[in-house]
PDB file of N, CA and C in Angstrom:
ATOM      1  N   MET A   1       0.844  -1.180   0.000  1.00  0.00           N
ATOM      2  CA  MET A   1       0.000   0.000   0.000  1.00  0.00           C
ATOM      3  C   MET A   1       0.885   1.237   0.000  1.00  0.00           C
ATOM      4  N   SER A   2       0.545   2.174  -0.841  1.00  0.00           N
ATOM      5  CA  SER A   2       1.302   3.414  -0.934  1.00  0.00           C
ATOM      6  C   SER A   2       0.610   4.506  -0.126  1.00  0.00           C
ATOM      7  N   TYR A   3       1.385   5.228   0.639  1.00  0.00           N
ATOM      8  CA  TYR A   3       0.850   6.315   1.448  1.00  0.00           C
ATOM      9  C   TYR A   3       1.137   7.642   0.760  1.00  0.00           C
ATOM     10  N   PRO A   4       0.241   8.621   0.926  1.00  0.00           N
ATOM     11  CA  PRO A   4       0.550   9.946   0.378  1.00  0.00           C
ATOM     12  C   PRO A   4       1.796  10.519   1.049  1.00  0.00           C
ATOM     13  N   LYS A   5       2.578  11.231   0.277  1.00  0.00           N
ATOM     14  CA  LYS A   5       3.809  11.834   0.789  1.00  0.00           C
ATOM     15  C   LYS A   5       3.590  13.337   0.924  1.00  0.00           C
ATOM     16  N   VAL A   6       3.709  13.833   2.163  1.00  0.00           N
ATOM     17  CA  VAL A   6       3.492  15.244   2.461  1.00  0.00           C
ATOM     18  C   VAL A   6       4.783  15.858   2.986  1.00  0.00           C
ATOM     19  N   LEU A   7       5.106  17.034   2.474  1.00  0.00           N
ATOM     20  CA  LEU A   7       6.237  17.802   2.986  1.00  0.00           C
ATOM     21  C   LEU A   7       5.689  18.905   3.867  1.00  0.00           C
ATOM     22  N   THR A   8       6.194  19.006   5.081  1.00  0.00           N
ATOM     23  CA  THR A   8       5.827  20.133   5.938  1.00  0.00           C
ATOM     24  C   THR A   8       7.068  20.994   6.149  1.00  0.00           C
ATOM     25  N   ILE A   9       6.892  22.283   5.897  1.00  0.00           N
ATOM     26  CA  ILE A   9       7.988  23.254   5.992  1.00  0.00           C
ATOM     27  C   ILE A   9       7.627  24.236   7.097  1.00  0.00           C
ATOM     28  N   GLN A  10       8.354  24.167   8.204  1.00  0.00           N
ATOM     29  CA  GLN A  10       8.100  25.068   9.331  1.00  0.00           C
ATOM     30  C   GLN A  10       9.213  24.906  10.352  1.00  0.00           C
ATOM     31  N   ASP A  11       9.139  25.726  11.401  1.00  0.00           N
ATOM     32  CA  ASP A  11      10.174  25.668  12.430  1.00  0.00           C
ATOM     33  C   ASP A  11       9.992  24.440  13.317  1.00  0.00           C
ATOM     34  N   ILE A  12      11.035  24.142  14.070  1.00  0.00           N
ATOM     35  CA  ILE A  12      10.955  23.117  15.101  1.00  0.00           C
ATOM     36  C   ILE A  12      11.396  23.755  16.414  1.00  0.00           C
ATOM     37  N   SER A  13      10.532  23.651  17.396  1.00  0.00           N
ATOM     38  CA  SER A  13      10.834  24.196  18.721  1.00  0.00           C
ATOM     39  C   SER A  13      11.337  23.075  19.612  1.00  0.00           C
ATOM     40  N   CYS A  14      12.450  23.308  20.277  1.00  0.00           N
ATOM     41  CA  CYS A  14      13.040  22.291  21.145  1.00  0.00           C
ATOM     42  C   CYS A  14      12.180  22.027  22.380  1.00  0.00           C
ATOM     43  N   VAL A  15      11.432  23.043  22.825  1.00  0.00           N
ATOM     44  CA  VAL A  15      10.525  22.931  23.962  1.00  0.00           C
ATOM     45  C   VAL A  15       9.191  23.533  23.530  1.00  0.00           C
ATOM     46  N   ASP A  16       8.108  22.974  23.960  1.00  0.00           N
ATOM     47  CA  ASP A  16       6.733  23.392  23.685  1.00  0.00           C
ATOM     48  C   ASP A  16       6.133  22.470  22.624  1.00  0.00           C
ATOM     49  N   GLN A  17       4.848  22.332  22.675  1.00  0.00           N
ATOM     50  CA  GLN A  17       4.147  21.465  21.739  1.00  0.00           C
ATOM     51  C   GLN A  17       3.560  22.306  20.618  1.00  0.00           C
ATOM     52  N   CYS A  18       4.357  22.466  19.566  1.00  0.00           N
ATOM     53  CA  CYS A  18       3.944  23.282  18.430  1.00  0.00           C
ATOM     54  C   CYS A  18       4.799  22.919  17.226  1.00  0.00           C
ATOM     55  N   SER A  19       4.478  23.498  16.125  1.00  0.00           N
ATOM     56  CA  SER A  19       5.224  23.388  14.879  1.00  0.00           C
ATOM     57  C   SER A  19       5.530  21.932  14.504  1.00  0.00           C
ATOM     58  N   LEU A  20       6.750  21.665  14.065  1.00  0.00           N
ATOM     59  CA  LEU A  20       7.081  20.316  13.601  1.00  0.00           C
ATOM     60  C   LEU A  20       6.922  19.245  14.667  1.00  0.00           C
ATOM     61  N   THR A  21       7.125  19.604  15.937  1.00  0.00           N
ATOM     62  CA  THR A  21       7.000  18.579  16.985  1.00  0.00           C
ATOM     63  C   THR A  21       5.565  18.072  17.093  1.00  0.00           C
ATOM     64  N   VAL A  22       4.597  18.836  16.624  1.00  0.00           N
ATOM     65  CA  VAL A  22       3.194  18.417  16.613  1.00  0.00           C
ATOM     66  C   VAL A  22       2.794  17.878  15.238  1.00  0.00           C
ATOM     67  N   ALA A  23       3.190  18.564  14.172  1.00  0.00           N
ATOM     68  CA  ALA A  23       2.785  18.175  12.819  1.00  0.00           C
ATOM     69  C   ALA A  23       3.265  16.773  12.454  1.00  0.00           C
ATOM     70  N   LEU A  24       4.502  16.458  12.765  1.00  0.00           N
ATOM     71  CA  LEU A  24       5.073  15.173  12.368  1.00  0.00           C
ATOM     72  C   LEU A  24       4.301  13.980  12.937  1.00  0.00           C
ATOM     73  N   PRO A  25       4.067  13.902  14.245  1.00  0.00           N
ATOM     74  CA  PRO A  25       3.344  12.724  14.746  1.00  0.00           C
ATOM     75  C   PRO A  25       1.874  12.681  14.317  1.00  0.00           C
ATOM     76  N   ILE A  26       1.234  13.836  14.180  1.00  0.00           N
ATOM     77  CA  ILE A  26      -0.181  13.833  13.776  1.00  0.00           C
ATOM     78  C   ILE A  26      -0.314  13.343  12.335  1.00  0.00           C
ATOM     79  N   LEU A  27       0.489  13.879  11.443  1.00  0.00           N
ATOM     80  CA  LEU A  27       0.422  13.450  10.051  1.00  0.00           C
ATOM     81  C   LEU A  27       0.822  11.985   9.911  1.00  0.00           C
ATOM     82  N   SER A  28       1.821  11.566  10.639  1.00  0.00           N
ATOM     83  CA  SER A  28       2.251  10.165  10.586  1.00  0.00           C
ATOM     84  C   SER A  28       1.153   9.232  11.093  1.00  0.00           C
ATOM     85  N   ALA A  29       0.471   9.629  12.161  1.00  0.00           N
ATOM     86  CA  ALA A  29      -0.623   8.816  12.697  1.00  0.00           C
ATOM     87  C   ALA A  29      -1.783   8.723  11.710  1.00  0.00           C
ATOM     88  N   ALA A  30      -1.897   9.716  10.835  1.00  0.00           N
ATOM     89  CA  ALA A  30      -2.947   9.721   9.821  1.00  0.00           C
ATOM     90  C   ALA A  30      -2.552   8.888   8.600  1.00  0.00           C
ATOM     91  N   ARG A  31      -1.488   8.117   8.722  1.00  0.00           N
ATOM     92  CA  ARG A  31      -0.996   7.241   7.660  1.00  0.00           C
ATOM     93  C   ARG A  31      -0.518   8.027   6.443  1.00  0.00           C
ATOM     94  N   VAL A  32       0.176   9.110   6.740  1.00  0.00           N
ATOM     95  CA  VAL A  32       0.767   9.955   5.711  1.00  0.00           C
ATOM     96  C   VAL A  32       2.283   9.882   5.881  1.00  0.00           C
ATOM     97  N   GLU A  33       2.996   9.618   4.786  1.00  0.00           N
ATOM     98  CA  GLU A  33       4.453   9.687   4.861  1.00  0.00           C
ATOM     99  C   GLU A  33       4.820  11.154   5.008  1.00  0.00           C
ATOM    100  N   THR A  34       5.347  11.520   6.160  1.00  0.00           N
ATOM    101  CA  THR A  34       5.610  12.916   6.471  1.00  0.00           C
ATOM    102  C   THR A  34       7.092  13.219   6.338  1.00  0.00           C
ATOM    103  N   CYS A  35       7.401  14.165   5.483  1.00  0.00           N
ATOM    104  CA  CYS A  35       8.767  14.615   5.258  1.00  0.00           C
ATOM    105  C   CYS A  35       8.849  16.038   5.800  1.00  0.00           C
ATOM    106  N   ILE A  36      10.010  16.402   6.319  1.00  0.00           N
ATOM    107  CA  ILE A  36      10.130  17.718   6.944  1.00  0.00           C
ATOM    108  C   ILE A  36      11.234  18.546   6.301  1.00  0.00           C
ATOM    109  N   LEU A  37      11.020  19.844   6.318  1.00  0.00           N
ATOM    110  CA  LEU A  37      12.039  20.813   5.940  1.00  0.00           C
ATOM    111  C   LEU A  37      11.973  21.925   6.984  1.00  0.00           C
ATOM    112  N   PRO A  38      12.825  21.851   8.015  1.00  0.00           N
ATOM    113  CA  PRO A  38      12.779  22.882   9.064  1.00  0.00           C
ATOM    114  C   PRO A  38      13.216  24.244   8.527  1.00  0.00           C
ATOM    115  N   SER A  39      12.444  25.273   8.859  1.00  0.00           N
ATOM    116  CA  SER A  39      12.800  26.637   8.470  1.00  0.00           C
ATOM    117  C   SER A  39      13.723  27.284   9.499  1.00  0.00           C
ATOM    118  N   ALA A  40      13.657  26.776  10.747  1.00  0.00           N
ATOM    119  CA  ALA A  40      14.488  27.289  11.839  1.00  0.00           C
ATOM    120  C   ALA A  40      14.396  26.316  13.008  1.00  0.00           C
ATOM    121  N   VAL A  41      15.380  26.392  13.886  1.00  0.00           N
ATOM    122  CA  VAL A  41      15.336  25.659  15.150  1.00  0.00           C
ATOM    123  C   VAL A  41      15.256  26.712  16.251  1.00  0.00           C
ATOM    124  N   LEU A  42      14.235  26.597  17.094  1.00  0.00           N
ATOM    125  CA  LEU A  42      14.020  27.544  18.185  1.00  0.00           C
ATOM    126  C   LEU A  42      14.190  26.836  19.519  1.00  0.00           C
ATOM    127  N   SER A  43      14.764  27.516  20.497  1.00  0.00           N
ATOM    128  CA  SER A  43      14.926  26.906  21.822  1.00  0.00           C
ATOM    129  C   SER A  43      13.567  26.696  22.487  1.00  0.00           C
ATOM    130  N   THR A  44      12.661  27.649  22.325  1.00  0.00           N
ATOM    131  CA  THR A  44      11.272  27.540  22.782  1.00  0.00           C
ATOM    132  C   THR A  44      10.408  28.263  21.764  1.00  0.00           C
ATOM    133  N   HIS A  45       9.109  28.162  21.929  1.00  0.00           N
ATOM    134  CA  HIS A  45       8.187  28.757  20.960  1.00  0.00           C
ATOM    135  C   HIS A  45       7.837  30.206  21.290  1.00  0.00           C
ATOM    136  N   THR A  46       8.045  30.618  22.517  1.00  0.00           N
ATOM    137  CA  THR A  46       7.593  31.941  22.935  1.00  0.00           C
ATOM    138  C   THR A  46       8.757  32.896  23.169  1.00  0.00           C
ATOM    139  N   ALA A  47       8.468  34.085  23.612  1.00  0.00           N
ATOM    140  CA  ALA A  47       9.431  35.184  23.757  1.00  0.00           C
ATOM    141  C   ALA A  47      10.723  34.775  24.448  1.00  0.00           C
ATOM    142  N   GLY A  48      11.806  35.405  24.025  1.00  0.00           N
ATOM    143  CA  GLY A  48      13.105  35.190  24.645  1.00  0.00           C
ATOM    144  C   GLY A  48      13.860  33.993  24.101  1.00  0.00           C
ATOM    145  N   PHE A  49      13.384  33.409  23.018  1.00  0.00           N
ATOM    146  CA  PHE A  49      14.010  32.198  22.496  1.00  0.00           C
ATOM    147  C   PHE A  49      15.282  32.498  21.712  1.00  0.00           C
ATOM    148  N   THR A  50      16.101  31.478  21.568  1.00  0.00           N
ATOM    149  CA  THR A  50      17.228  31.554  20.643  1.00  0.00           C
ATOM    150  C   THR A  50      16.776  30.888  19.353  1.00  0.00           C
ATOM    151  N   VAL A  51      17.377  31.288  18.254  1.00  0.00           N
ATOM    152  CA  VAL A  51      16.956  30.751  16.966  1.00  0.00           C
ATOM    153  C   VAL A  51      18.158  30.461  16.085  1.00  0.00           C
ATOM    154  N   ARG A  52      18.073  29.369  15.372  1.00  0.00           N
ATOM    155  CA  ARG A  52      19.043  29.030  14.326  1.00  0.00           C
ATOM    156  C   ARG A  52      18.268  29.073  13.014  1.00  0.00           C
ATOM    157  N   ASP A  53      18.477  30.117  12.245  1.00  0.00           N
ATOM    158  CA  ASP A  53      17.790  30.316  10.968  1.00  0.00           C
ATOM    159  C   ASP A  53      18.381  29.345   9.941  1.00  0.00           C
ATOM    160  N   LEU A  54      17.536  28.609   9.243  1.00  0.00           N
ATOM    161  CA  LEU A  54      17.993  27.621   8.270  1.00  0.00           C
ATOM    162  C   LEU A  54      17.721  28.041   6.822  1.00  0.00           C
ATOM    163  N   THR A  55      17.487  29.331   6.618  1.00  0.00           N
ATOM    164  CA  THR A  55      17.170  29.844   5.286  1.00  0.00           C
ATOM    165  C   THR A  55      18.192  29.405   4.247  1.00  0.00           C
ATOM    166  N   GLU A  56      19.465  29.519   4.566  1.00  0.00           N
ATOM    167  CA  GLU A  56      20.518  29.202   3.593  1.00  0.00           C
ATOM    168  C   GLU A  56      20.541  27.740   3.193  1.00  0.00           C
ATOM    169  N   ASP A  57      19.979  26.863   4.009  1.00  0.00           N
ATOM    170  CA  ASP A  57      19.974  25.424   3.713  1.00  0.00           C
ATOM    171  C   ASP A  57      18.835  25.007   2.791  1.00  0.00           C
ATOM    172  N   ILE A  58      17.786  25.797   2.733  1.00  0.00           N
ATOM    173  CA  ILE A  58      16.580  25.401   2.004  1.00  0.00           C
ATOM    174  C   ILE A  58      16.838  25.153   0.515  1.00  0.00           C
ATOM    175  N   PRO A  59      17.524  26.048  -0.221  1.00  0.00           N
ATOM    176  CA  PRO A  59      17.719  25.796  -1.656  1.00  0.00           C
ATOM    177  C   PRO A  59      18.527  24.525  -1.937  1.00  0.00           C
ATOM    178  N   ALA A  60      19.542  24.252  -1.147  1.00  0.00           N
ATOM    179  CA  ALA A  60      20.366  23.058  -1.373  1.00  0.00           C
ATOM    180  C   ALA A  60      19.569  21.780  -1.114  1.00  0.00           C
ATOM    181  N   ILE A  61      18.753  21.782  -0.079  1.00  0.00           N
ATOM    182  CA  ILE A  61      17.914  20.614   0.208  1.00  0.00           C
ATOM    183  C   ILE A  61      16.929  20.395  -0.934  1.00  0.00           C
ATOM    184  N   ALA A  62      16.271  21.454  -1.375  1.00  0.00           N
ATOM    185  CA  ALA A  62      15.311  21.342  -2.470  1.00  0.00           C
ATOM    186  C   ALA A  62      15.989  20.865  -3.758  1.00  0.00           C
ATOM    187  N   ALA A  63      17.177  21.374  -4.038  1.00  0.00           N
ATOM    188  CA  ALA A  63      17.916  20.956  -5.237  1.00  0.00           C
ATOM    189  C   ALA A  63      18.265  19.475  -5.164  1.00  0.00           C
ATOM    190  N   HIS A  64      18.667  19.014  -4.002  1.00  0.00           N
ATOM    191  CA  HIS A  64      18.972  17.582  -3.825  1.00  0.00           C
ATOM    192  C   HIS A  64      17.732  16.737  -4.113  1.00  0.00           C
ATOM    193  N   TRP A  65      16.596  17.145  -3.562  1.00  0.00           N
ATOM    194  CA  TRP A  65      15.362  16.391  -3.790  1.00  0.00           C
ATOM    195  C   TRP A  65      14.994  16.374  -5.269  1.00  0.00           C
ATOM    196  N   ARG A  66      15.182  17.501  -5.981  1.00  0.00           N
ATOM    197  CA  ARG A  66      14.891  17.533  -7.418  1.00  0.00           C
ATOM    198  C   ARG A  66      15.781  16.546  -8.157  1.00  0.00           C
ATOM    199  N   ARG A  67      17.081  16.528  -7.819  1.00  0.00           N
ATOM    200  CA  ARG A  67      18.001  15.580  -8.466  1.00  0.00           C
ATOM    201  C   ARG A  67      17.595  14.136  -8.205  1.00  0.00           C
ATOM    202  N   GLU A  68      17.047  13.874  -7.041  1.00  0.00           N
ATOM    203  CA  GLU A  68      16.622  12.518  -6.673  1.00  0.00           C
ATOM    204  C   GLU A  68      15.227  12.165  -7.205  1.00  0.00           C
ATOM    205  N   GLY A  69      14.563  13.108  -7.829  1.00  0.00           N
ATOM    206  CA  GLY A  69      13.230  12.861  -8.371  1.00  0.00           C
ATOM    207  C   GLY A  69      12.151  12.758  -7.308  1.00  0.00           C
ATOM    208  N   ILE A  70      12.388  13.364  -6.147  1.00  0.00           N
ATOM    209  CA  ILE A  70      11.415  13.331  -5.048  1.00  0.00           C
ATOM    210  C   ILE A  70      10.346  14.393  -5.307  1.00  0.00           C
ATOM    211  N   ALA A  71       9.093  13.985  -5.165  1.00  0.00           N
ATOM    212  CA  ALA A  71       7.971  14.913  -5.316  1.00  0.00           C
ATOM    213  C   ALA A  71       6.936  14.588  -4.245  1.00  0.00           C
ATOM    214  N   PHE A  72       6.103  15.549  -3.949  1.00  0.00           N
ATOM    215  CA  PHE A  72       5.171  15.426  -2.828  1.00  0.00           C
ATOM    216  C   PHE A  72       3.724  15.573  -3.294  1.00  0.00           C
ATOM    217  N   ASP A  73       2.848  14.783  -2.660  1.00  0.00           N
ATOM    218  CA  ASP A  73       1.413  14.861  -2.936  1.00  0.00           C
ATOM    219  C   ASP A  73       0.807  16.130  -2.351  1.00  0.00           C
ATOM    220  N   ALA A  74       1.428  16.645  -1.309  1.00  0.00           N
ATOM    221  CA  ALA A  74       0.985  17.886  -0.680  1.00  0.00           C
ATOM    222  C   ALA A  74       2.181  18.547  -0.016  1.00  0.00           C
ATOM    223  N   ILE A  75       2.135  19.858   0.044  1.00  0.00           N
ATOM    224  CA  ILE A  75       3.151  20.635   0.757  1.00  0.00           C
ATOM    225  C   ILE A  75       2.415  21.565   1.697  1.00  0.00           C
ATOM    226  N   TYR A  76       2.823  21.507   2.956  1.00  0.00           N
ATOM    227  CA  TYR A  76       2.140  22.219   4.039  1.00  0.00           C
ATOM    228  C   TYR A  76       3.156  23.114   4.733  1.00  0.00           C
ATOM    229  N   THR A  77       2.862  24.411   4.816  1.00  0.00           N
ATOM    230  CA  THR A  77       3.780  25.327   5.476  1.00  0.00           C
ATOM    231  C   THR A  77       3.246  25.762   6.827  1.00  0.00           C
ATOM    232  N   GLY A  78       4.165  26.053   7.709  1.00  0.00           N
ATOM    233  CA  GLY A  78       3.880  26.682   8.991  1.00  0.00           C
ATOM    234  C   GLY A  78       4.673  27.969   9.035  1.00  0.00           C
ATOM    235  N   TYR A  79       5.341  28.203  10.146  1.00  0.00           N
ATOM    236  CA  TYR A  79       6.092  29.442  10.336  1.00  0.00           C
ATOM    237  C   TYR A  79       7.250  29.536   9.349  1.00  0.00           C
ATOM    238  N   LEU A  80       7.296  30.656   8.637  1.00  0.00           N
ATOM    239  CA  LEU A  80       8.425  31.006   7.785  1.00  0.00           C
ATOM    240  C   LEU A  80       8.948  32.331   8.298  1.00  0.00           C
ATOM    241  N   GLY A  81      10.259  32.406   8.505  1.00  0.00           N
ATOM    242  CA  GLY A  81      10.828  33.544   9.210  1.00  0.00           C
ATOM    243  C   GLY A  81      11.285  34.713   8.375  1.00  0.00           C
ATOM    244  N   SER A  82      11.142  34.646   7.039  1.00  0.00           N
ATOM    245  CA  SER A  82      11.632  35.758   6.223  1.00  0.00           C
ATOM    246  C   SER A  82      10.983  35.721   4.847  1.00  0.00           C
ATOM    247  N   THR A  83      11.058  36.851   4.155  1.00  0.00           N
ATOM    248  CA  THR A  83      10.540  36.894   2.791  1.00  0.00           C
ATOM    249  C   THR A  83      11.377  36.004   1.872  1.00  0.00           C
ATOM    250  N   GLU A  84      12.644  35.839   2.188  1.00  0.00           N
ATOM    251  CA  GLU A  84      13.506  34.952   1.408  1.00  0.00           C
ATOM    252  C   GLU A  84      12.993  33.513   1.505  1.00  0.00           C
ATOM    253  N   GLN A  85      12.601  33.085   2.704  1.00  0.00           N
ATOM    254  CA  GLN A  85      12.042  31.741   2.856  1.00  0.00           C
ATOM    255  C   GLN A  85      10.752  31.599   2.063  1.00  0.00           C
ATOM    256  N   ILE A  86       9.941  32.643   2.047  1.00  0.00           N
ATOM    257  CA  ILE A  86       8.689  32.588   1.293  1.00  0.00           C
ATOM    258  C   ILE A  86       8.982  32.350  -0.191  1.00  0.00           C
ATOM    259  N   ALA A  87       9.970  33.034  -0.736  1.00  0.00           N
ATOM    260  CA  ALA A  87      10.342  32.855  -2.146  1.00  0.00           C
ATOM    261  C   ALA A  87      10.829  31.427  -2.397  1.00  0.00           C
ATOM    262  N   TYR A  88      11.635  30.890  -1.491  1.00  0.00           N
ATOM    263  CA  TYR A  88      12.106  29.511  -1.646  1.00  0.00           C
ATOM    264  C   TYR A  88      10.943  28.528  -1.620  1.00  0.00           C
ATOM    265  N   VAL A  89       9.992  28.759  -0.730  1.00  0.00           N
ATOM    266  CA  VAL A  89       8.838  27.862  -0.620  1.00  0.00           C
ATOM    267  C   VAL A  89       7.969  27.960  -1.868  1.00  0.00           C
ATOM    268  N   GLN A  90       7.810  29.150  -2.417  1.00  0.00           N
ATOM    269  CA  GLN A  90       7.054  29.277  -3.668  1.00  0.00           C
ATOM    270  C   GLN A  90       7.698  28.427  -4.758  1.00  0.00           C
ATOM    271  N   ASN A  91       9.027  28.435  -4.822  1.00  0.00           N
ATOM    272  CA  ASN A  91       9.745  27.618  -5.795  1.00  0.00           C
ATOM    273  C   ASN A  91       9.533  26.127  -5.515  1.00  0.00           C
ATOM    274  N   ILE A  92       9.543  25.743  -4.247  1.00  0.00           N
ATOM    275  CA  ILE A  92       9.307  24.348  -3.879  1.00  0.00           C
ATOM    276  C   ILE A  92       7.901  23.923  -4.286  1.00  0.00           C
ATOM    277  N   PHE A  93       6.906  24.791  -4.075  1.00  0.00           N
ATOM    278  CA  PHE A  93       5.542  24.491  -4.531  1.00  0.00           C
ATOM    279  C   PHE A  93       5.548  24.189  -6.034  1.00  0.00           C
ATOM    280  N   ASP A  94       6.280  24.995  -6.795  1.00  0.00           N
ATOM    281  CA  ASP A  94       6.284  24.868  -8.253  1.00  0.00           C
ATOM    282  C   ASP A  94       7.078  23.678  -8.761  1.00  0.00           C
ATOM    283  N   THR A  95       8.113  23.260  -8.034  1.00  0.00           N
ATOM    284  CA  THR A  95       9.021  22.245  -8.584  1.00  0.00           C
ATOM    285  C   THR A  95       8.961  20.883  -7.891  1.00  0.00           C
ATOM    286  N   LEU A  96       8.471  20.823  -6.671  1.00  0.00           N
ATOM    287  CA  LEU A  96       8.485  19.550  -5.945  1.00  0.00           C
ATOM    288  C   LEU A  96       7.091  19.012  -5.624  1.00  0.00           C
ATOM    289  N   ARG A  97       6.068  19.740  -6.005  1.00  0.00           N
ATOM    290  CA  ARG A  97       4.697  19.294  -5.754  1.00  0.00           C
ATOM    291  C   ARG A  97       4.214  18.543  -6.990  1.00  0.00           C
ATOM    292  N   LYS A  98       3.664  17.341  -6.771  1.00  0.00           N
ATOM    293  CA  LYS A  98       3.133  16.566  -7.884  1.00  0.00           C
ATOM    294  C   LYS A  98       1.986  17.314  -8.546  1.00  0.00           C
ATOM    295  N   SER A  99       1.792  17.048  -9.816  1.00  0.00           N
ATOM    296  CA  SER A  99       0.691  17.663 -10.547  1.00  0.00           C
ATOM    297  C   SER A  99      -0.623  17.363  -9.822  1.00  0.00           C
ATOM    298  N   GLY A 100      -1.379  18.408  -9.548  1.00  0.00           N
ATOM    299  CA  GLY A 100      -2.639  18.247  -8.825  1.00  0.00           C
ATOM    300  C   GLY A 100      -2.479  18.142  -7.321  1.00  0.00           C
ATOM    301  N   GLY A 101      -1.230  18.218  -6.830  1.00  0.00           N
ATOM    302  CA  GLY A 101      -0.975  18.116  -5.396  1.00  0.00           C
ATOM    303  C   GLY A 101      -1.493  19.324  -4.632  1.00  0.00           C
ATOM    304  N   LEU A 102      -1.739  19.103  -3.359  1.00  0.00           N
ATOM    305  CA  LEU A 102      -2.257  20.166  -2.504  1.00  0.00           C
ATOM    306  C   LEU A 102      -1.167  21.130  -2.064  1.00  0.00           C
ATOM    307  N   ARG A 103      -1.564  22.357  -1.874  1.00  0.00           N
ATOM    308  CA  ARG A 103      -0.719  23.403  -1.313  1.00  0.00           C
ATOM    309  C   ARG A 103      -1.482  23.926  -0.098  1.00  0.00           C
ATOM    310  N   ILE A 104      -0.936  23.717   1.103  1.00  0.00           N
ATOM    311  CA  ILE A 104      -1.611  24.123   2.330  1.00  0.00           C
ATOM    312  C   ILE A 104      -0.726  25.149   3.031  1.00  0.00           C
ATOM    313  N   VAL A 105      -1.250  26.359   3.208  1.00  0.00           N
ATOM    314  CA  VAL A 105      -0.474  27.442   3.809  1.00  0.00           C
ATOM    315  C   VAL A 105      -1.103  27.787   5.150  1.00  0.00           C
ATOM    316  N   ASP A 106      -0.361  27.543   6.216  1.00  0.00           N
ATOM    317  CA  ASP A 106      -0.815  27.845   7.568  1.00  0.00           C
ATOM    318  C   ASP A 106      -0.737  29.346   7.802  1.00  0.00           C
ATOM    319  N   PRO A 107      -1.710  29.912   8.498  1.00  0.00           N
ATOM    320  CA  PRO A 107      -1.682  31.365   8.751  1.00  0.00           C
ATOM    321  C   PRO A 107      -0.461  31.833   9.545  1.00  0.00           C
ATOM    322  N   ALA A 108       0.297  30.922  10.160  1.00  0.00           N
ATOM    323  CA  ALA A 108       1.509  31.332  10.876  1.00  0.00           C
ATOM    324  C   ALA A 108       2.475  32.035   9.942  1.00  0.00           C
ATOM    325  N   MET A 109       2.324  31.794   8.644  1.00  0.00           N
ATOM    326  CA  MET A 109       3.174  32.457   7.669  1.00  0.00           C
ATOM    327  C   MET A 109       3.012  33.973   7.751  1.00  0.00           C
ATOM    328  N   ALA A 110       1.904  34.431   8.262  1.00  0.00           N
ATOM    329  CA  ALA A 110       1.681  35.870   8.398  1.00  0.00           C
ATOM    330  C   ALA A 110       2.712  36.519   9.303  1.00  0.00           C
ATOM    331  N   ASP A 111       3.351  35.735  10.177  1.00  0.00           N
ATOM    332  CA  ASP A 111       4.404  36.272  11.039  1.00  0.00           C
ATOM    333  C   ASP A 111       5.492  36.928  10.186  1.00  0.00           C
ATOM    334  N   ALA A 112       5.917  36.247   9.133  1.00  0.00           N
ATOM    335  CA  ALA A 112       6.964  36.794   8.271  1.00  0.00           C
ATOM    336  C   ALA A 112       6.426  37.948   7.442  1.00  0.00           C
ATOM    337  N   LEU A 113       5.204  37.818   6.952  1.00  0.00           N
ATOM    338  CA  LEU A 113       4.639  38.862   6.113  1.00  0.00           C
ATOM    339  C   LEU A 113       4.451  40.165   6.886  1.00  0.00           C
ATOM    340  N   SER A 114       4.206  40.075   8.187  1.00  0.00           N
ATOM    341  CA  SER A 114       3.985  41.286   8.974  1.00  0.00           C
ATOM    342  C   SER A 114       5.255  42.123   9.097  1.00  0.00           C
ATOM    343  N   ARG A 115       6.411  41.536   8.792  1.00  0.00           N
ATOM    344  CA  ARG A 115       7.671  42.275   8.881  1.00  0.00           C
ATOM    345  C   ARG A 115       8.011  43.018   7.608  1.00  0.00           C
ATOM    346  N   LEU A 116       7.210  42.866   6.569  1.00  0.00           N
ATOM    347  CA  LEU A 116       7.502  43.523   5.284  1.00  0.00           C
ATOM    348  C   LEU A 116       7.301  45.022   5.361  1.00  0.00           C
TER     349      LEU A 116
END
């Protein structure tokens, strides 16, 4: 049996139940092959956190997947930390999403848009 393959692109918080730490087990429990592309690593989800921005890694990861012929039935975004990440994700939607695949944009993306 083949399971749908979903890519989720969002941050991962080391503490707190949010973002990738929640999306991964829920999607997996729903019998979905869940692939991740972290946009950042945060020490916690709320104020005062430390952050490791992964923007520079996104294009290389996406390029590797294209070379490997990896494509996704759906792509789901959460928190994106910059307009640069938004542009990379738009490219991922266009190049790594299967024809007719879903594009799901979480409103958390508004966090980055509010900084424009």
